[in-house]
């Protein structure tokens, strides 16, 4: 499971000790087509997911769009669930497996506590999450510009 975790850019520079610590509150899951990893508007847990193999779709029905669903496909090695984990808020979308998938589920509460107790590791991880979110924001900004200017 550690080899799958280090394939995600958030964990590539982590020491073996840190990886083993994180693995102690993580679980490798083999999922089937249609399995739901995260359900929109749920607030029961703040777990994070690393998509190791396969594909998922991110579906939101609360956008107010005419179709009432926005679907975005997510690629392998991606991090899922980080927004509600960071903000401690309800899930913003449903994440559903497309075909078979393998994920690592990280207990979000334990991870947050681990970072609180290990400030240097927490700082490095949060910096990487900030960069990931910034890249996603730039991509979203580019898409929005295309939609607005190419109407």
Foldseek 3Di string as FASTA:
>chain_A
DLVLLCVAVLPVPPDPVVSVVQVVQKDKDKDFAFDWPAAFQDQPFQKKKAWRDAKKWWWAQPPPDPVSIDIDIDDHRDMPRVPCLVVSGTHRTIITGHGITMMMITRSVVVVVVCVVVVVSVVSSVVVVVVVVVVVVVVVVVVVCCVVVVD
